[in-house]
Amino acid sequence: MDIRKLRYFITVAEELHFHRAAEKLNMTQPPLSQQIQNLEEELGVKLLERTRKMVRLTPAGAVFLEQARLIMAQLERSIQLTQKADQGIIGHISVAFVDSASGSIMVDVLRKFRAAYPQIELTLREMTSSQQLQALEDGQIHIGFLRYQEDTRHVSFRPCQMETLIAVLPDHHPVASQTQVSIRELADEDFILFPRHLGSPFHRLVLDYCREHGVDPRITQEAIQMYTIVNLVAAGMGISIVPSSVDVFQRKGVVFLPLEENPPSVPLYTAWRTDMNQEVVSRFISIVEGEYELH
């Protein structure tokens, strides 16, 4: 079925006059009449009653007009949606994040992205850094917020936030009332840390910092989620060293204290697939760039 024939038929059916319809279509009447005749032959149905004085729709023609209009409307919508998808205005994007990034950075970025692009479907997944790297490699997510970077094909990394390490202690701890704490004051404590096998760079960063200052942490508990670590500290299971953004998990029973001995920086990276839904991904990255300077 030639789309042009549908357009010709709709115009004739609306005008009920071949000459006026031909003028509206910027063509002459004979080829228009031939196109309508070809359409009727193709359908095996008479669509128009023609006399020298009038043109009118047959009952079948009235039904076909209604359906033709629906087809043309759907075609137009399909064209518009395709163009919007190409422009990154609509579509789908899957974003993963470590739980320590679920505070202000994710709230601010997601709120602005949703306001700017309400037609883009957004799927959020909380994942560890290592899980995100694998998901990016496998094409399961488009963008990640994670704690370390690797040389990975089809994935670009940019630091979007730089934090430091801080201590999280039970509120009844002897140093809880201080404004900062020395890592040496925590040498005899039970440590609750993120598992090495799920994030060795961050795990190693904490251990290297402690050992640099003469502390060999006694790790008695491990937890994947930072808010779980905070809850375990509140329960009196030990103390922890966490990224400074974790203080968004403020809760009764814990205090967050800066570390005295020049703690190392803890980057938060934005990572994205460079070969999937590029326009939609670019839209999201532009929002992140508006909030945090990507280097």
Protein backbone atom coordinates (compact mmCIF):
# COMPACT_ATOMS: atom_id res chain seq x y z
CA MET A 1 0.00 0.00 0.00
CA ASP A 2 1.50 3.29 -1.15
CA ILE A 3 1.27 5.96 1.58
CA ARG A 4 0.83 8.58 -1.14
CA LYS A 5 -2.40 6.88 -2.21
CA LEU A 6 -3.73 7.15 1.33
CA ARG A 7 -2.89 10.84 1.39
CA TYR A 8 -4.55 11.35 -2.00
CA PHE A 9 -7.66 9.49 -0.90
CA ILE A 10 -7.98 11.42 2.36
CA THR A 11 -7.73 14.73 0.52
CA VAL A 12 -10.38 13.73 -2.07
CA ALA A 13 -12.65 12.35 0.66
CA GLU A 14 -12.39 15.58 2.63
CA GLU A 15 -12.90 17.85 -0.38
CA LEU A 16 -15.40 15.58 -2.20
CA HIS A 17 -14.18 17.33 -5.34
CA PHE A 18 -11.35 16.05 -7.53
CA HIS A 19 -10.35 19.42 -8.94
CA ARG A 20 -10.08 21.11 -5.53
CA ALA A 21 -8.29 18.08 -4.13
CA ALA A 22 -5.80 18.13 -7.02
CA GLU A 23 -5.08 21.80 -6.43
CA LYS A 24 -4.55 21.16 -2.72
CA LEU A 25 -2.12 18.38 -3.58
CA ASN A 26 -0.31 20.50 -6.18
CA MET A 27 -1.07 18.09 -9.00
CA THR A 28 -3.44 17.85 -11.95
CA GLN A 29 -6.77 16.06 -11.80
CA PRO A 30 -6.18 13.15 -14.26
CA PRO A 31 -3.27 11.54 -12.36
CA LEU A 32 -5.17 12.03 -9.09
CA SER A 33 -8.20 10.24 -10.50
CA GLN A 34 -5.92 7.46 -11.75
CA GLN A 35 -4.32 7.06 -8.31
CA ILE A 36 -7.74 6.72 -6.63
CA GLN A 37 -8.82 4.20 -9.25
CA ASN A 38 -5.61 2.21 -8.66
CA LEU A 39 -6.31 2.27 -4.91
CA GLU A 40 -9.82 0.91 -5.40
CA GLU A 41 -8.50 -1.82 -7.69
CA GLU A 42 -5.84 -2.70 -5.13
CA LEU A 43 -8.45 -2.98 -2.38
CA GLY A 44 -11.09 -4.57 -4.58
CA VAL A 45 -13.56 -2.09 -3.08
CA LYS A 46 -15.37 0.96 -4.47
CA LEU A 47 -14.53 3.88 -2.21
CA LEU A 48 -16.17 6.80 -4.01
CA GLU A 49 -19.39 7.32 -5.96
CA ARG A 50 -18.62 9.66 -8.85
CA THR A 51 -21.04 11.54 -11.08
CA ARG A 52 -20.52 14.60 -13.25
CA LYS A 53 -22.07 16.73 -10.50
CA MET A 54 -20.86 15.17 -7.26
CA VAL A 55 -18.46 12.88 -5.44
CA ARG A 56 -19.43 11.05 -2.30
CA LEU A 57 -18.06 8.31 -0.08
CA THR A 58 -19.46 4.81 -0.24
CA PRO A 59 -20.07 3.11 3.13
CA ALA A 60 -16.83 1.21 2.60
CA GLY A 61 -15.11 4.49 1.69
CA ALA A 62 -16.25 6.08 4.97
CA VAL A 63 -14.73 3.20 6.94
CA PHE A 64 -11.52 3.34 4.93
CA LEU A 65 -11.27 7.12 5.48
CA GLU A 66 -11.43 6.65 9.23
CA GLN A 67 -8.75 3.97 9.14
CA ALA A 68 -6.58 5.91 6.70
CA ARG A 69 -6.60 8.89 9.03
CA LEU A 70 -5.54 6.65 11.91
CA ILE A 71 -2.72 5.19 9.80
CA MET A 72 -1.47 8.64 8.79
CA ALA A 73 -1.69 9.89 12.37
CA GLN A 74 0.27 6.87 13.60
CA LEU A 75 2.83 7.35 10.85
CA GLU A 76 3.29 10.98 11.84
CA ARG A 77 3.63 9.99 15.49
CA SER A 78 6.18 7.33 14.56
CA ILE A 79 8.21 9.88 12.61
CA GLN A 80 8.12 12.35 15.52
CA LEU A 81 9.08 9.69 18.07
CA THR A 82 11.91 8.49 15.86
CA GLN A 83 13.23 12.03 15.51
CA LYS A 84 12.93 12.61 19.26
CA ALA A 85 14.75 9.36 19.97
CA ASP A 86 17.53 10.44 17.60
CA GLN A 87 17.72 13.76 19.45
CA GLY A 88 17.83 12.02 22.85
CA ILE A 89 14.53 13.56 23.98
CA ILE A 90 12.81 10.23 24.52
CA GLY A 91 14.08 6.74 25.15
CA HIS A 92 15.34 4.67 28.06
CA ILE A 93 18.41 4.87 30.23
CA SER A 94 19.61 2.56 33.00
CA VAL A 95 21.68 4.16 35.78
CA ALA A 96 23.48 2.33 38.59
CA PHE A 97 25.07 3.80 41.70
CA VAL A 98 26.92 2.80 44.84
CA ASP A 99 24.83 3.40 47.92
CA SER A 100 27.16 6.12 49.21
CA ALA A 101 26.26 8.15 46.10
CA SER A 102 22.53 7.94 46.82
CA GLY A 103 22.57 11.19 48.77
CA SER A 104 22.74 14.68 47.35
CA ILE A 105 24.47 13.85 44.05
CA MET A 106 21.85 11.36 42.92
CA VAL A 107 18.95 13.38 44.29
CA ASP A 108 20.07 16.57 42.54
CA VAL A 109 20.94 14.92 39.23
CA LEU A 110 17.81 12.78 39.05
CA ARG A 111 15.50 15.64 39.95
CA LYS A 112 16.94 17.88 37.22
CA PHE A 113 17.04 15.09 34.64
CA ARG A 114 13.42 14.13 35.30
CA ALA A 115 12.33 17.78 35.03
CA ALA A 116 14.26 18.33 31.79
CA TYR A 117 13.40 15.02 30.05
CA PRO A 118 10.15 13.62 31.44
CA GLN A 119 9.69 11.35 28.40
CA ILE A 120 12.92 9.43 28.97
CA GLU A 121 12.30 6.27 30.95
CA LEU A 122 14.78 5.98 33.80
CA THR A 123 15.74 2.70 35.49
CA LEU A 124 17.80 2.92 38.69
CA ARG A 125 19.88 0.11 40.16
CA GLU A 126 21.94 0.10 43.35
CA MET A 127 25.14 -1.89 42.69
CA THR A 128 28.68 -2.16 44.01
CA SER A 129 31.47 -0.70 41.89
CA SER A 130 32.61 -4.11 40.66
CA GLN A 131 29.04 -5.06 39.77
CA GLN A 132 28.68 -1.82 37.82
CA LEU A 133 31.85 -2.44 35.85
CA GLN A 134 30.59 -5.85 34.83
CA ALA A 135 27.13 -4.49 34.01
CA LEU A 136 28.67 -1.74 31.86
CA GLU A 137 30.78 -4.33 30.04
CA ASP A 138 27.72 -6.53 29.48
CA GLY A 139 25.56 -3.61 28.29
CA GLN A 140 23.09 -4.04 31.16
CA ILE A 141 23.42 -0.40 32.25
CA HIS A 142 24.28 2.81 30.42
CA ILE A 143 25.70 4.94 33.25
CA GLY A 144 27.26 4.18 36.61
CA PHE A 145 28.38 6.10 39.68
CA LEU A 146 31.23 4.08 41.18
CA ARG A 147 34.32 4.31 43.36
CA TYR A 148 37.12 3.28 41.00
CA GLN A 149 37.92 3.02 37.32
CA GLU A 150 39.47 0.37 35.09
CA ASP A 151 40.77 0.27 31.55
CA THR A 152 37.57 -1.03 30.00
CA ARG A 153 36.48 -1.18 26.37
CA HIS A 154 33.48 0.99 25.43
CA VAL A 155 33.40 2.66 28.87
CA SER A 156 34.47 6.21 29.67
CA PHE A 157 35.25 7.37 33.23
CA ARG A 158 35.26 10.88 34.68
CA PRO A 159 35.58 11.88 38.36
CA CYS A 160 32.51 13.88 39.35
CA GLN A 161 33.03 14.24 43.09
CA MET A 162 36.05 14.09 45.36
CA GLU A 163 35.59 13.16 49.00
CA THR A 164 37.78 12.18 51.94
CA LEU A 165 37.73 9.35 54.44
CA ILE A 166 35.96 9.92 57.74
CA ALA A 167 35.41 7.81 60.85
CA VAL A 168 32.01 6.59 61.98
CA LEU A 169 31.80 5.72 65.67
CA PRO A 170 29.15 4.76 68.20
CA ASP A 171 27.88 7.87 69.97
CA HIS A 172 29.03 6.45 73.33
CA HIS A 173 32.63 6.05 72.15
CA PRO A 174 35.20 7.87 74.39
CA VAL A 175 36.21 10.20 71.53
CA ALA A 176 32.68 10.79 70.20
CA SER A 177 32.56 14.31 71.59
CA GLN A 178 35.75 15.39 69.82
CA THR A 179 35.69 17.53 66.67
CA GLN A 180 38.10 15.12 64.94
CA VAL A 181 39.84 11.84 65.69
CA SER A 182 43.31 10.45 65.10
CA ILE A 183 43.40 7.09 63.37
CA ARG A 184 45.88 6.04 66.07
CA GLU A 185 43.15 6.48 68.68
CA LEU A 186 41.22 3.71 66.88
CA ALA A 187 44.07 1.20 66.72
CA ASP A 188 42.48 -1.23 69.20
CA GLU A 189 38.95 -1.07 67.77
CA ASP A 190 37.02 -3.70 65.86
CA PHE A 191 36.70 -2.50 62.27
CA ILE A 192 33.68 -2.96 60.01
CA LEU A 193 34.75 -2.57 56.37
CA PHE A 194 33.51 -3.00 52.85
CA PRO A 195 34.51 -6.49 51.58
CA ARG A 196 37.78 -6.68 49.71
CA HIS A 197 36.43 -9.05 47.05
CA LEU A 198 33.68 -6.59 46.07
CA GLY A 199 35.78 -3.43 45.98
CA SER A 200 39.46 -4.07 46.42
CA PRO A 201 40.62 -0.51 45.46
CA PHE A 202 38.52 1.15 48.18
CA HIS A 203 39.28 -1.63 50.69
CA ARG A 204 42.99 -1.22 49.96
CA LEU A 205 42.76 2.58 50.25
CA VAL A 206 41.42 2.29 53.81
CA LEU A 207 43.98 -0.32 54.85
CA ASP A 208 46.90 1.60 53.31
CA TYR A 209 45.84 4.78 55.11
CA CYS A 210 45.59 3.00 58.44
CA ARG A 211 48.91 1.19 58.05
CA GLU A 212 50.66 4.36 56.90
CA HIS A 213 49.89 5.73 60.35
CA GLY A 214 50.85 2.61 62.28
CA VAL A 215 47.42 1.02 62.60
CA ASP A 216 46.74 -2.54 61.44
CA PRO A 217 42.91 -2.74 61.47
CA ARG A 218 41.34 -5.75 63.15
CA ILE A 219 38.47 -6.46 60.73
CA THR A 220 35.71 -8.32 62.56
CA GLN A 221 32.74 -7.57 60.30
CA GLU A 222 32.18 -6.88 56.63
CA ALA A 223 29.14 -5.32 54.97
CA ILE A 224 28.37 -4.48 51.36
CA GLN A 225 26.10 -1.48 51.92
CA MET A 226 27.39 1.65 53.62
CA TYR A 227 24.12 2.19 55.48
CA THR A 228 24.47 -1.36 56.81
CA ILE A 229 27.94 -0.45 58.07
CA VAL A 230 26.47 2.62 59.79
CA ASN A 231 23.75 0.49 61.39
CA LEU A 232 26.32 -2.06 62.61
CA VAL A 233 28.34 0.76 64.18
CA ALA A 234 25.17 2.01 65.88
CA ALA A 235 24.65 -1.52 67.21
CA GLY A 236 28.06 -1.42 68.87
CA MET A 237 29.68 -3.97 66.54
CA GLY A 238 32.72 -1.79 65.89
CA ILE A 239 33.84 1.37 64.08
CA SER A 240 34.42 2.10 60.42
CA ILE A 241 36.22 4.33 57.94
CA VAL A 242 33.94 5.46 55.11
CA PRO A 243 33.70 8.10 52.34
CA SER A 244 32.57 11.46 53.69
CA SER A 245 29.30 11.33 51.71
CA VAL A 246 28.16 8.46 53.94
CA ASP A 247 27.30 11.03 56.62
CA VAL A 248 23.99 11.46 54.77
CA PHE A 249 22.99 8.26 56.61
CA GLN A 250 22.71 10.19 59.86
CA ARG A 251 20.97 8.13 62.48
CA LYS A 252 20.69 7.90 66.24
CA GLY A 253 23.58 6.08 67.85
CA VAL A 254 26.47 7.16 65.61
CA VAL A 255 28.76 10.12 65.07
CA PHE A 256 30.84 11.00 62.02
CA LEU A 257 34.24 12.55 62.70
CA PRO A 258 36.92 13.94 60.39
CA LEU A 259 40.26 12.14 60.54
CA GLU A 260 43.21 14.09 61.88
CA GLU A 261 45.98 12.59 59.72
CA ASN A 262 45.34 14.07 56.27
CA PRO A 263 43.00 11.38 54.91
CA PRO A 264 43.29 10.48 51.21
CA SER A 265 40.81 11.60 48.59
CA VAL A 266 38.04 9.22 47.62
CA PRO A 267 36.81 9.84 44.07
CA LEU A 268 33.33 9.13 42.81
CA TYR A 269 33.41 8.41 39.09
CA THR A 270 30.72 8.76 36.49
CA ALA A 271 31.09 5.97 33.93
CA TRP A 272 29.10 5.42 30.78
CA ARG A 273 28.88 3.27 27.71
CA THR A 274 30.27 5.10 24.71
CA ASP A 275 28.42 2.98 22.16
CA MET A 276 24.80 2.78 23.42
CA ASN A 277 21.95 5.32 23.11
CA GLN A 278 24.55 8.03 22.77
CA GLU A 279 22.14 10.98 22.61
CA VAL A 280 20.20 9.90 25.70
CA VAL A 281 23.44 9.22 27.56
CA SER A 282 24.77 12.64 26.51
CA ARG A 283 21.64 14.29 27.90
CA PHE A 284 22.20 12.64 31.27
CA ILE A 285 25.91 13.44 31.33
CA SER A 286 25.13 17.08 30.57
CA ILE A 287 22.97 17.21 33.70
CA VAL A 288 25.82 15.72 35.75
CA GLU A 289 28.22 18.25 34.24
CA GLY A 290 25.83 21.01 35.28
CA GLU A 291 25.99 19.82 38.88
CA TYR A 292 29.58 18.59 39.13
CA GLU A 293 32.60 19.44 37.04
CA LEU A 294 33.70 16.36 35.11
CA HIS A 295 37.44 16.35 34.40
